[in-house]
Amino acid sequence: MNEPRVLIIGQGSIGQRHAQVSRDLGYRTATVSRRDGIGDYSNIADAFSTFDPTSVLIASATSDHKEDLLTLRRAGFDGPVLVEKPLFAQYSDVDGFEDAQLHVAYNLRFSPVVRRLREQLAALDGPVVAAQFLVGQYLPDWRPGRDWQNGYSADKMRGGGALRDLSHELDLALLLFGPWQRLTALGGALSALPMNADDVWQISAVMGHCPVVSVHLNCLDRVPVRQIRVNSTDTSLVADLIEGTVSTNGEVEKVGAGGDAYHSQMRAFVEGNDRELLCDLKAAGNVLAMIDAVEKAAASSCWIGEDKA
């Protein structure tokens, strides 16, 4: 295999993390940043022509994802691209969009906890009756040492907010129990946090492989939590992605907290290991469709069917 050359577009906290992961794996790595003095290049065209990447990861603000991707393609790069989640800021941006080489960085698919939970779900004798997804962490604690109010996570116009930043749970709900059929939701910017983005959501959905799915997202929990709870007719499963455990009817199994999920995802993207776990364009579009339906349901105080998303 030719030596991997990975270009990272965007050098916020997540872009820097991806760049470090790439270097940890021994890949030649270069970065692009719009901020002066940050990154190896200041624009995508120069980076493409000079560095000649074999793979590109886009980790700019969500609102810039589509334009950065189009700029990259116009520059002549036709290789694999991994875009940070969510794919775009709006579902309408996906309409008519095609790119067979595109994947989206829902890295929790590679978590050992999620892998083990999928094995346990496959081994169930009866159908799943109900599932709950819960994630919460206080936004000012997300990126220590950084002014959180100036970050894109606190800015709706740049694609921030709990619904999009924590959309891992929507991707996992679709991966494990999808497709969604109808849903309703409550949420928005409800706390006193000084920002112009949403901070809490409660979603109830009927999905193809589970009749009762609950998804709770917030950026308020002072004690971080990330769990998936599943009940079938005879089994209760609890996957704790922070503790790195999966329990079956109360019997706890330690499987690892999943910090390696970023490395596993990068290897899948660059080298092709477990590539089937990567989120493709269709799956990423389904997440955006679900986000769009959640916002419509909350605004209209009603249920939204998949055919009306």
C-alpha atoms as a PDB file:
ATOM      1  CA  MET A   1       0.000   0.000   0.000  1.00  0.00           C
ATOM      2  CA  ASN A   2       1.245   3.504  -0.797  1.00  0.00           C
ATOM      3  CA  GLU A   3       2.151   5.578   2.234  1.00  0.00           C
ATOM      4  CA  PRO A   4      -1.057   7.166   3.598  1.00  0.00           C
ATOM      5  CA  ARG A   5      -1.105  10.954   3.450  1.00  0.00           C
ATOM      6  CA  VAL A   6      -4.001  12.338   5.483  1.00  0.00           C
ATOM      7  CA  LEU A   7      -5.141  15.933   5.158  1.00  0.00           C
ATOM      8  CA  ILE A   8      -7.231  17.355   8.031  1.00  0.00           C
ATOM      9  CA  ILE A   9      -9.358  20.405   7.147  1.00  0.00           C
ATOM     10  CA  GLY A  10     -10.190  22.439  10.258  1.00  0.00           C
ATOM     11  CA  GLN A  11      -8.109  22.795  13.398  1.00  0.00           C
ATOM     12  CA  GLY A  12     -10.600  23.302  16.159  1.00  0.00           C
ATOM     13  CA  SER A  13     -10.503  20.827  19.028  1.00  0.00           C
ATOM     14  CA  ILE A  14     -11.925  17.922  17.015  1.00  0.00           C
ATOM     15  CA  GLY A  15      -9.689  18.643  14.013  1.00  0.00           C
ATOM     16  CA  GLN A  16      -6.649  18.672  16.271  1.00  0.00           C
ATOM     17  CA  ARG A  17      -7.755  15.380  17.796  1.00  0.00           C
ATOM     18  CA  HIS A  18      -8.109  13.751  14.370  1.00  0.00           C
ATOM     19  CA  ALA A  19      -4.673  15.074  13.388  1.00  0.00           C
ATOM     20  CA  GLN A  20      -3.125  13.566  16.517  1.00  0.00           C
ATOM     21  CA  VAL A  21      -4.846  10.233  15.882  1.00  0.00           C
ATOM     22  CA  SER A  22      -3.518  10.235  12.313  1.00  0.00           C
ATOM     23  CA  ARG A  23       0.011  10.885  13.555  1.00  0.00           C
ATOM     24  CA  ASP A  24      -0.346   8.222  16.261  1.00  0.00           C
ATOM     25  CA  LEU A  25      -1.083   5.696  13.530  1.00  0.00           C
ATOM     26  CA  GLY A  26       2.038   6.692  11.628  1.00  0.00           C
ATOM     27  CA  TYR A  27       0.334   8.441   8.700  1.00  0.00           C
ATOM     28  CA  ARG A  28       1.887  11.494   7.087  1.00  0.00           C
ATOM     29  CA  THR A  29      -0.443  14.256   8.227  1.00  0.00           C
ATOM     30  CA  ALA A  30      -1.054  17.857   7.164  1.00  0.00           C
ATOM     31  CA  THR A  31      -3.646  20.367   8.309  1.00  0.00           C
ATOM     32  CA  VAL A  32      -5.650  23.266   6.901  1.00  0.00           C
ATOM     33  CA  SER A  33      -6.956  26.119   9.044  1.00  0.00           C
ATOM     34  CA  ARG A  34      -8.580  29.452   8.272  1.00  0.00           C
ATOM     35  CA  ARG A  35      -7.015  30.890  11.436  1.00  0.00           C
ATOM     36  CA  ASP A  36      -3.680  32.648  11.005  1.00  0.00           C
ATOM     37  CA  GLY A  37      -0.716  30.703  12.326  1.00  0.00           C
ATOM     38  CA  ILE A  38      -2.721  27.498  12.827  1.00  0.00           C
ATOM     39  CA  GLY A  39      -2.235  24.551  10.498  1.00  0.00           C
ATOM     40  CA  ASP A  40       0.194  23.740   7.710  1.00  0.00           C
ATOM     41  CA  TYR A  41      -1.912  25.400   5.005  1.00  0.00           C
ATOM     42  CA  SER A  42      -4.378  28.271   4.943  1.00  0.00           C
ATOM     43  CA  ASN A  43      -6.543  27.005   2.086  1.00  0.00           C
ATOM     44  CA  ILE A  44      -7.702  23.722   0.611  1.00  0.00           C
ATOM     45  CA  ALA A  45      -6.444  24.233  -2.950  1.00  0.00           C
ATOM     46  CA  ASP A  46      -2.835  24.815  -1.863  1.00  0.00           C
ATOM     47  CA  ALA A  47      -2.953  21.860   0.502  1.00  0.00           C
ATOM     48  CA  PHE A  48      -4.243  19.550  -2.218  1.00  0.00           C
ATOM     49  CA  SER A  49      -1.710  20.604  -4.844  1.00  0.00           C
ATOM     50  CA  THR A  50       1.289  20.592  -2.486  1.00  0.00           C
ATOM     51  CA  PHE A  51       0.589  17.753  -0.047  1.00  0.00           C
ATOM     52  CA  ASP A  52      -1.186  15.434  -2.544  1.00  0.00           C
ATOM     53  CA  PRO A  53      -3.311  13.604   0.078  1.00  0.00           C
ATOM     54  CA  THR A  54      -4.551  10.046  -0.276  1.00  0.00           C
ATOM     55  CA  SER A  55      -7.381  10.671   2.243  1.00  0.00           C
ATOM     56  CA  VAL A  56      -9.048  13.839   3.523  1.00  0.00           C
ATOM     57  CA  LEU A  57     -10.923  14.466   6.754  1.00  0.00           C
ATOM     58  CA  ILE A  58     -13.147  17.552   7.033  1.00  0.00           C
ATOM     59  CA  ALA A  59     -13.460  18.811  10.616  1.00  0.00           C
ATOM     60  CA  SER A  60     -14.441  22.436  10.086  1.00  0.00           C
ATOM     61  CA  ALA A  61     -17.581  24.008  11.579  1.00  0.00           C
ATOM     62  CA  THR A  62     -20.713  22.109  10.496  1.00  0.00           C
ATOM     63  CA  SER A  63     -21.942  25.106   8.490  1.00  0.00           C
ATOM     64  CA  ASP A  64     -18.726  24.947   6.395  1.00  0.00           C
ATOM     65  CA  HIS A  65     -18.792  21.202   5.668  1.00  0.00           C
ATOM     66  CA  LYS A  66     -20.540  21.326   2.299  1.00  0.00           C
ATOM     67  CA  GLU A  67     -18.543  24.224   0.876  1.00  0.00           C
ATOM     68  CA  ASP A  68     -15.258  22.692   2.059  1.00  0.00           C
ATOM     69  CA  LEU A  69     -16.206  19.381   0.455  1.00  0.00           C
ATOM     70  CA  LEU A  70     -17.155  21.059  -2.825  1.00  0.00           C
ATOM     71  CA  THR A  71     -13.949  23.127  -2.774  1.00  0.00           C
ATOM     72  CA  LEU A  72     -11.938  19.942  -2.293  1.00  0.00           C
ATOM     73  CA  ARG A  73     -13.673  18.203  -5.184  1.00  0.00           C
ATOM     74  CA  ARG A  74     -13.290  21.258  -7.434  1.00  0.00           C
ATOM     75  CA  ALA A  75      -9.565  21.262  -6.640  1.00  0.00           C
ATOM     76  CA  GLY A  76      -9.401  17.790  -8.193  1.00  0.00           C
ATOM     77  CA  PHE A  77      -9.377  15.421  -5.218  1.00  0.00           C
ATOM     78  CA  ASP A  78     -11.523  12.380  -6.044  1.00  0.00           C
ATOM     79  CA  GLY A  79     -10.421  10.090  -3.185  1.00  0.00           C
ATOM     80  CA  PRO A  80     -12.051   9.117   0.126  1.00  0.00           C
ATOM     81  CA  VAL A  81     -13.364  11.870   2.393  1.00  0.00           C
ATOM     82  CA  LEU A  82     -14.473  11.553   6.007  1.00  0.00           C
ATOM     83  CA  VAL A  83     -16.634  14.445   7.239  1.00  0.00           C
ATOM     84  CA  GLU A  84     -17.179  15.190  10.925  1.00  0.00           C
ATOM     85  CA  LYS A  85     -20.733  14.695  12.167  1.00  0.00           C
ATOM     86  CA  PRO A  86     -23.306  15.760  11.273  1.00  0.00           C
ATOM     87  CA  LEU A  87     -22.690  15.717   7.522  1.00  0.00           C
ATOM     88  CA  PHE A  88     -24.276  19.118   6.835  1.00  0.00           C
ATOM     89  CA  ALA A  89     -26.157  21.695   8.891  1.00  0.00           C
ATOM     90  CA  GLN A  90     -29.487  21.089   7.137  1.00  0.00           C
ATOM     91  CA  TYR A  91     -31.221  18.079   5.604  1.00  0.00           C
ATOM     92  CA  SER A  92     -32.004  20.140   2.494  1.00  0.00           C
ATOM     93  CA  ASP A  93     -28.256  20.284   1.734  1.00  0.00           C
ATOM     94  CA  VAL A  94     -28.302  16.522   1.041  1.00  0.00           C
ATOM     95  CA  ASP A  95     -30.982  16.756  -1.658  1.00  0.00           C
ATOM     96  CA  GLY A  96     -29.499  15.531  -4.934  1.00  0.00           C
ATOM     97  CA  PHE A  97     -26.042  15.195  -3.410  1.00  0.00           C
ATOM     98  CA  GLU A  98     -24.026  12.160  -4.476  1.00  0.00           C
ATOM     99  CA  ASP A  99     -20.497  11.118  -3.491  1.00  0.00           C
ATOM    100  CA  ALA A 100     -19.601   7.435  -3.366  1.00  0.00           C
ATOM    101  CA  GLN A 101     -16.290   8.165  -1.632  1.00  0.00           C
ATOM    102  CA  LEU A 102     -17.881  10.080   1.253  1.00  0.00           C
ATOM    103  CA  HIS A 103     -18.331   8.886   4.854  1.00  0.00           C
ATOM    104  CA  VAL A 104     -19.273  10.636   8.079  1.00  0.00           C
ATOM    105  CA  ALA A 105     -17.352  10.400  11.361  1.00  0.00           C
ATOM    106  CA  TYR A 106     -19.857   8.803  13.721  1.00  0.00           C
ATOM    107  CA  ASN A 107     -16.989   7.179  15.590  1.00  0.00           C
ATOM    108  CA  LEU A 108     -19.143   5.633  18.348  1.00  0.00           C
ATOM    109  CA  ARG A 109     -19.969   2.891  15.834  1.00  0.00           C
ATOM    110  CA  PHE A 110     -16.412   1.706  16.582  1.00  0.00           C
ATOM    111  CA  SER A 111     -16.753   1.839  20.373  1.00  0.00           C
ATOM    112  CA  PRO A 112     -16.132  -1.585  21.975  1.00  0.00           C
ATOM    113  CA  VAL A 113     -19.263  -0.975  24.065  1.00  0.00           C
ATOM    114  CA  VAL A 114     -21.424  -0.502  20.965  1.00  0.00           C
ATOM    115  CA  ARG A 115     -19.824  -3.498  19.257  1.00  0.00           C
ATOM    116  CA  ARG A 116     -20.588  -5.680  22.291  1.00  0.00           C
ATOM    117  CA  LEU A 117     -24.135  -4.334  22.540  1.00  0.00           C
ATOM    118  CA  ARG A 118     -24.747  -5.258  18.908  1.00  0.00           C
ATOM    119  CA  GLU A 119     -23.545  -8.799  19.626  1.00  0.00           C
ATOM    120  CA  GLN A 120     -25.913  -9.022  22.590  1.00  0.00           C
ATOM    121  CA  LEU A 121     -28.824  -7.688  20.555  1.00  0.00           C
ATOM    122  CA  ALA A 122     -28.158 -10.249  17.817  1.00  0.00           C
ATOM    123  CA  ALA A 123     -28.281 -13.028  20.430  1.00  0.00           C
ATOM    124  CA  LEU A 124     -31.686 -12.060  21.885  1.00  0.00           C
ATOM    125  CA  ASP A 125     -34.421 -14.680  21.586  1.00  0.00           C
ATOM    126  CA  GLY A 126     -37.325 -12.247  21.504  1.00  0.00           C
ATOM    127  CA  PRO A 127     -37.973  -8.846  19.946  1.00  0.00           C
ATOM    128  CA  VAL A 128     -36.837  -5.585  21.506  1.00  0.00           C
ATOM    129  CA  VAL A 129     -39.736  -3.820  23.212  1.00  0.00           C
ATOM    130  CA  ALA A 130     -38.167  -0.518  24.283  1.00  0.00           C
ATOM    131  CA  ALA A 131     -34.861   1.329  24.057  1.00  0.00           C
ATOM    132  CA  GLN A 132     -33.524   4.476  25.692  1.00  0.00           C
ATOM    133  CA  PHE A 133     -30.559   6.589  24.617  1.00  0.00           C
ATOM    134  CA  LEU A 134     -29.227   9.131  27.105  1.00  0.00           C
ATOM    135  CA  VAL A 135     -26.330  11.544  26.678  1.00  0.00           C
ATOM    136  CA  GLY A 136     -25.498  14.653  28.638  1.00  0.00           C
ATOM    137  CA  GLN A 137     -22.465  16.755  29.505  1.00  0.00           C
ATOM    138  CA  TYR A 138     -22.138  20.375  30.632  1.00  0.00           C
ATOM    139  CA  LEU A 139     -21.088  22.353  27.542  1.00  0.00           C
ATOM    140  CA  PRO A 140     -18.557  24.617  29.319  1.00  0.00           C
ATOM    141  CA  ASP A 141     -16.680  21.429  30.289  1.00  0.00           C
ATOM    142  CA  TRP A 142     -16.520  19.959  26.779  1.00  0.00           C
ATOM    143  CA  ARG A 143     -13.243  21.560  25.747  1.00  0.00           C
ATOM    144  CA  PRO A 144     -11.118  22.510  28.784  1.00  0.00           C
ATOM    145  CA  GLY A 145      -8.907  25.545  28.279  1.00  0.00           C
ATOM    146  CA  ARG A 146     -11.066  26.979  25.485  1.00  0.00           C
ATOM    147  CA  ASP A 147     -13.660  29.749  25.523  1.00  0.00           C
ATOM    148  CA  TRP A 148     -16.751  27.624  24.940  1.00  0.00           C
ATOM    149  CA  GLN A 149     -18.945  30.631  24.083  1.00  0.00           C
ATOM    150  CA  ASN A 150     -16.797  31.353  21.024  1.00  0.00           C
ATOM    151  CA  GLY A 151     -16.871  27.740  19.814  1.00  0.00           C
ATOM    152  CA  TYR A 152     -19.222  26.570  17.088  1.00  0.00           C
ATOM    153  CA  SER A 153     -21.023  24.218  19.498  1.00  0.00           C
ATOM    154  CA  ALA A 154     -22.622  27.273  21.130  1.00  0.00           C
ATOM    155  CA  ASP A 155     -23.557  28.914  17.827  1.00  0.00           C
ATOM    156  CA  LYS A 156     -26.637  27.767  15.914  1.00  0.00           C
ATOM    157  CA  MET A 157     -25.561  29.698  12.821  1.00  0.00           C
ATOM    158  CA  ARG A 158     -22.407  27.554  12.588  1.00  0.00           C
ATOM    159  CA  GLY A 159     -24.313  24.303  13.059  1.00  0.00           C
ATOM    160  CA  GLY A 160     -23.907  23.984  16.819  1.00  0.00           C
ATOM    161  CA  GLY A 161     -26.378  22.912  19.494  1.00  0.00           C
ATOM    162  CA  ALA A 162     -27.162  19.689  21.316  1.00  0.00           C
ATOM    163  CA  LEU A 163     -29.248  18.145  18.536  1.00  0.00           C
ATOM    164  CA  ARG A 164     -26.448  18.241  15.973  1.00  0.00           C
ATOM    165  CA  ASP A 165     -23.399  17.987  18.226  1.00  0.00           C
ATOM    166  CA  LEU A 166     -24.853  14.967  20.032  1.00  0.00           C
ATOM    167  CA  SER A 167     -26.341  13.336  16.947  1.00  0.00           C
ATOM    168  CA  HIS A 168     -24.214  10.232  17.603  1.00  0.00           C
ATOM    169  CA  GLU A 169     -27.237   8.937  19.516  1.00  0.00           C
ATOM    170  CA  LEU A 170     -29.524   9.411  16.506  1.00  0.00           C
ATOM    171  CA  ASP A 171     -27.040   7.554  14.300  1.00  0.00           C
ATOM    172  CA  LEU A 172     -26.863   4.703  16.821  1.00  0.00           C
ATOM    173  CA  ALA A 173     -30.653   4.555  17.174  1.00  0.00           C
ATOM    174  CA  LEU A 174     -30.928   4.208  13.400  1.00  0.00           C
ATOM    175  CA  LEU A 175     -28.074   1.705  13.223  1.00  0.00           C
ATOM    176  CA  LEU A 176     -29.493  -0.510  15.968  1.00  0.00           C
ATOM    177  CA  PHE A 177     -33.271  -0.134  15.546  1.00  0.00           C
ATOM    178  CA  GLY A 178     -34.015   1.865  12.391  1.00  0.00           C
ATOM    179  CA  PRO A 179     -35.463   3.066  10.197  1.00  0.00           C
ATOM    180  CA  TRP A 180     -37.524   5.627  12.105  1.00  0.00           C
ATOM    181  CA  GLN A 181     -41.203   5.632  11.162  1.00  0.00           C
ATOM    182  CA  ARG A 182     -42.672   8.485  13.189  1.00  0.00           C
ATOM    183  CA  LEU A 183     -41.514  10.696  16.038  1.00  0.00           C
ATOM    184  CA  THR A 184     -42.315  13.607  18.271  1.00  0.00           C
ATOM    185  CA  ALA A 185     -40.052  15.839  20.340  1.00  0.00           C
ATOM    186  CA  LEU A 186     -39.668  18.578  22.927  1.00  0.00           C
ATOM    187  CA  GLY A 187     -36.618  20.776  23.252  1.00  0.00           C
ATOM    188  CA  GLY A 188     -34.635  23.774  22.167  1.00  0.00           C
ATOM    189  CA  ALA A 189     -32.708  26.509  23.944  1.00  0.00           C
ATOM    190  CA  LEU A 190     -34.274  26.069  27.380  1.00  0.00           C
ATOM    191  CA  SER A 191     -31.510  26.664  29.931  1.00  0.00           C
ATOM    192  CA  ALA A 192     -29.788  29.823  31.153  1.00  0.00           C
ATOM    193  CA  LEU A 193     -26.548  29.029  29.309  1.00  0.00           C
ATOM    194  CA  PRO A 194     -25.507  32.208  27.448  1.00  0.00           C
ATOM    195  CA  MET A 195     -25.572  30.908  23.887  1.00  0.00           C
ATOM    196  CA  ASN A 196     -27.847  30.992  20.845  1.00  0.00           C
ATOM    197  CA  ALA A 197     -28.075  27.237  20.270  1.00  0.00           C
ATOM    198  CA  ASP A 198     -30.350  24.449  21.557  1.00  0.00           C
ATOM    199  CA  ASP A 199     -29.287  22.716  24.758  1.00  0.00           C
ATOM    200  CA  VAL A 200     -31.803  19.937  25.523  1.00  0.00           C
ATOM    201  CA  TRP A 201     -34.025  17.522  23.576  1.00  0.00           C
ATOM    202  CA  GLN A 202     -36.377  14.692  24.404  1.00  0.00           C
ATOM    203  CA  ILE A 203     -37.358  12.554  21.407  1.00  0.00           C
ATOM    204  CA  SER A 204     -39.885   9.711  21.260  1.00  0.00           C
ATOM    205  CA  ALA A 205     -39.897   7.548  18.153  1.00  0.00           C
ATOM    206  CA  VAL A 206     -41.401   4.435  16.617  1.00  0.00           C
ATOM    207  CA  MET A 207     -38.685   2.588  14.706  1.00  0.00           C
ATOM    208  CA  GLY A 208     -38.636  -0.385  12.403  1.00  0.00           C
ATOM    209  CA  HIS A 209     -37.091  -2.764  14.944  1.00  0.00           C
ATOM    210  CA  CYS A 210     -38.331  -1.225  18.191  1.00  0.00           C
ATOM    211  CA  PRO A 211     -41.812   0.206  18.876  1.00  0.00           C
ATOM    212  CA  VAL A 212     -40.715   2.540  21.705  1.00  0.00           C
ATOM    213  CA  VAL A 213     -37.458   4.468  21.379  1.00  0.00           C
ATOM    214  CA  SER A 214     -36.540   7.391  23.633  1.00  0.00           C
ATOM    215  CA  VAL A 215     -33.572   9.675  22.935  1.00  0.00           C
ATOM    216  CA  HIS A 216     -32.520  12.326  25.446  1.00  0.00           C
ATOM    217  CA  LEU A 217     -29.754  14.790  24.538  1.00  0.00           C
ATOM    218  CA  ASN A 218     -28.464  17.662  26.629  1.00  0.00           C
ATOM    219  CA  CYS A 219     -25.415  19.839  27.212  1.00  0.00           C
ATOM    220  CA  LEU A 220     -26.372  20.506  30.847  1.00  0.00           C
ATOM    221  CA  ASP A 221     -25.407  17.416  32.876  1.00  0.00           C
ATOM    222  CA  ARG A 222     -22.672  18.372  35.364  1.00  0.00           C
ATOM    223  CA  VAL A 223     -21.832  14.667  35.681  1.00  0.00           C
ATOM    224  CA  PRO A 224     -21.337  13.273  32.148  1.00  0.00           C
ATOM    225  CA  VAL A 225     -23.594  10.395  31.144  1.00  0.00           C
ATOM    226  CA  ARG A 226     -23.839   8.287  27.979  1.00  0.00           C
ATOM    227  CA  GLN A 227     -25.953   5.144  28.126  1.00  0.00           C
ATOM    228  CA  ILE A 228     -28.120   2.903  25.979  1.00  0.00           C
ATOM    229  CA  ARG A 229     -30.759   0.836  27.798  1.00  0.00           C
ATOM    230  CA  VAL A 230     -32.638  -1.918  25.991  1.00  0.00           C
ATOM    231  CA  ASN A 231     -35.464  -4.182  27.130  1.00  0.00           C
ATOM    232  CA  SER A 232     -36.738  -7.265  25.335  1.00  0.00           C
ATOM    233  CA  THR A 233     -39.348  -9.652  26.717  1.00  0.00           C
ATOM    234  CA  ASP A 234     -36.747 -11.509  28.792  1.00  0.00           C
ATOM    235  CA  THR A 235     -33.539  -9.458  28.767  1.00  0.00           C
ATOM    236  CA  SER A 236     -32.416  -6.045  30.028  1.00  0.00           C
ATOM    237  CA  LEU A 237     -29.235  -4.614  28.527  1.00  0.00           C
ATOM    238  CA  VAL A 238     -27.416  -1.488  29.724  1.00  0.00           C
ATOM    239  CA  ALA A 239     -24.487  -0.157  27.714  1.00  0.00           C
ATOM    240  CA  ASP A 240     -22.484   2.542  29.496  1.00  0.00           C
ATOM    241  CA  LEU A 241     -20.101   4.235  27.086  1.00  0.00           C
ATOM    242  CA  ILE A 242     -18.368   6.246  29.800  1.00  0.00           C
ATOM    243  CA  GLU A 243     -17.791   3.350  32.186  1.00  0.00           C
ATOM    244  CA  GLY A 244     -17.011   0.995  29.293  1.00  0.00           C
ATOM    245  CA  THR A 245     -19.463  -1.677  30.396  1.00  0.00           C
ATOM    246  CA  VAL A 246     -22.353  -3.729  29.063  1.00  0.00           C
ATOM    247  CA  SER A 247     -24.656  -5.397  31.589  1.00  0.00           C
ATOM    248  CA  THR A 248     -27.073  -8.227  30.842  1.00  0.00           C
ATOM    249  CA  ASN A 249     -29.824  -8.669  33.423  1.00  0.00           C
ATOM    250  CA  GLY A 250     -27.561  -6.984  35.955  1.00  0.00           C
ATOM    251  CA  GLU A 251     -24.410  -8.975  35.180  1.00  0.00           C
ATOM    252  CA  VAL A 252     -21.758  -6.392  34.300  1.00  0.00           C
ATOM    253  CA  GLU A 253     -19.069  -6.999  31.673  1.00  0.00           C
ATOM    254  CA  LYS A 254     -16.143  -4.593  31.295  1.00  0.00           C
ATOM    255  CA  VAL A 255     -15.350  -4.127  27.616  1.00  0.00           C
ATOM    256  CA  GLY A 256     -13.419  -0.831  27.457  1.00  0.00           C
ATOM    257  CA  ALA A 257     -14.393   2.818  27.525  1.00  0.00           C
ATOM    258  CA  GLY A 258     -13.891   3.358  23.795  1.00  0.00           C
ATOM    259  CA  GLY A 259     -11.168   5.988  23.588  1.00  0.00           C
ATOM    260  CA  ASP A 260      -9.728   3.863  20.800  1.00  0.00           C
ATOM    261  CA  ALA A 261     -12.863   4.401  18.705  1.00  0.00           C
ATOM    262  CA  TYR A 262     -11.179   7.364  16.990  1.00  0.00           C
ATOM    263  CA  HIS A 263      -8.169   5.227  16.074  1.00  0.00           C
ATOM    264  CA  SER A 264     -10.364   2.350  14.864  1.00  0.00           C
ATOM    265  CA  GLN A 265     -12.415   4.719  12.742  1.00  0.00           C
ATOM    266  CA  MET A 266      -9.290   6.310  11.239  1.00  0.00           C
ATOM    267  CA  ARG A 267      -7.849   2.892  10.359  1.00  0.00           C
ATOM    268  CA  ALA A 268     -11.136   1.870   8.745  1.00  0.00           C
ATOM    269  CA  PHE A 269     -11.188   5.071   6.723  1.00  0.00           C
ATOM    270  CA  VAL A 270      -7.543   5.075   5.623  1.00  0.00           C
ATOM    271  CA  GLU A 271      -6.723   1.351   5.428  1.00  0.00           C
ATOM    272  CA  GLY A 272     -10.113  -0.266   4.903  1.00  0.00           C
ATOM    273  CA  ASN A 273     -10.266  -2.312   8.144  1.00  0.00           C
ATOM    274  CA  ASP A 274     -13.919  -2.639   9.232  1.00  0.00           C
ATOM    275  CA  ARG A 275     -14.884  -0.160   6.507  1.00  0.00           C
ATOM    276  CA  GLU A 276     -18.460  -1.499   6.604  1.00  0.00           C
ATOM    277  CA  LEU A 277     -18.842   0.150  10.029  1.00  0.00           C
ATOM    278  CA  LEU A 278     -18.281   3.634   8.604  1.00  0.00           C
ATOM    279  CA  CYS A 279     -21.376   5.787   8.236  1.00  0.00           C
ATOM    280  CA  ASP A 280     -22.064   6.250   4.519  1.00  0.00           C
ATOM    281  CA  LEU A 281     -23.844   9.102   2.751  1.00  0.00           C
ATOM    282  CA  LYS A 282     -27.257   7.422   2.890  1.00  0.00           C
ATOM    283  CA  ALA A 283     -27.026   6.758   6.625  1.00  0.00           C
ATOM    284  CA  ALA A 284     -25.780  10.291   7.287  1.00  0.00           C
ATOM    285  CA  GLY A 285     -28.687  11.662   5.264  1.00  0.00           C
ATOM    286  CA  ASN A 286     -31.079   9.601   7.385  1.00  0.00           C
ATOM    287  CA  VAL A 287     -29.659  11.231  10.526  1.00  0.00           C
ATOM    288  CA  LEU A 288     -30.202  14.690   9.028  1.00  0.00           C
ATOM    289  CA  ALA A 289     -33.746  13.722   8.045  1.00  0.00           C
ATOM    290  CA  MET A 290     -34.368  12.698  11.642  1.00  0.00           C
ATOM    291  CA  ILE A 291     -32.929  15.990  12.935  1.00  0.00           C
ATOM    292  CA  ASP A 292     -35.190  17.890  10.548  1.00  0.00           C
ATOM    293  CA  ALA A 293     -38.228  15.905  11.735  1.00  0.00           C
ATOM    294  CA  VAL A 294     -37.331  16.512  15.395  1.00  0.00           C
ATOM    295  CA  GLU A 295     -37.273  20.273  14.847  1.00  0.00           C
ATOM    296  CA  LYS A 296     -40.543  20.182  12.913  1.00  0.00           C
ATOM    297  CA  ALA A 297     -42.219  18.048  15.583  1.00  0.00           C
ATOM    298  CA  ALA A 298     -41.137  20.374  18.382  1.00  0.00           C
ATOM    299  CA  ALA A 299     -42.227  23.484  16.465  1.00  0.00           C
ATOM    300  CA  SER A 300     -45.669  22.063  15.645  1.00  0.00           C
ATOM    301  CA  SER A 301     -46.254  19.995  18.820  1.00  0.00           C
ATOM    302  CA  CYS A 302     -47.204  16.954  16.771  1.00  0.00           C
ATOM    303  CA  TRP A 303     -45.979  13.613  15.462  1.00  0.00           C
ATOM    304  CA  ILE A 304     -44.021  13.612  12.209  1.00  0.00           C
ATOM    305  CA  GLY A 305     -44.069  10.599   9.909  1.00  0.00           C
ATOM    306  CA  GLU A 306     -41.090   9.585   7.797  1.00  0.00           C
ATOM    307  CA  ASP A 307     -43.061  10.442   4.652  1.00  0.00           C
ATOM    308  CA  LYS A 308     -43.414  14.067   5.847  1.00  0.00           C
ATOM    309  CA  ALA A 309     -39.821  14.653   6.931  1.00  0.00           C
END
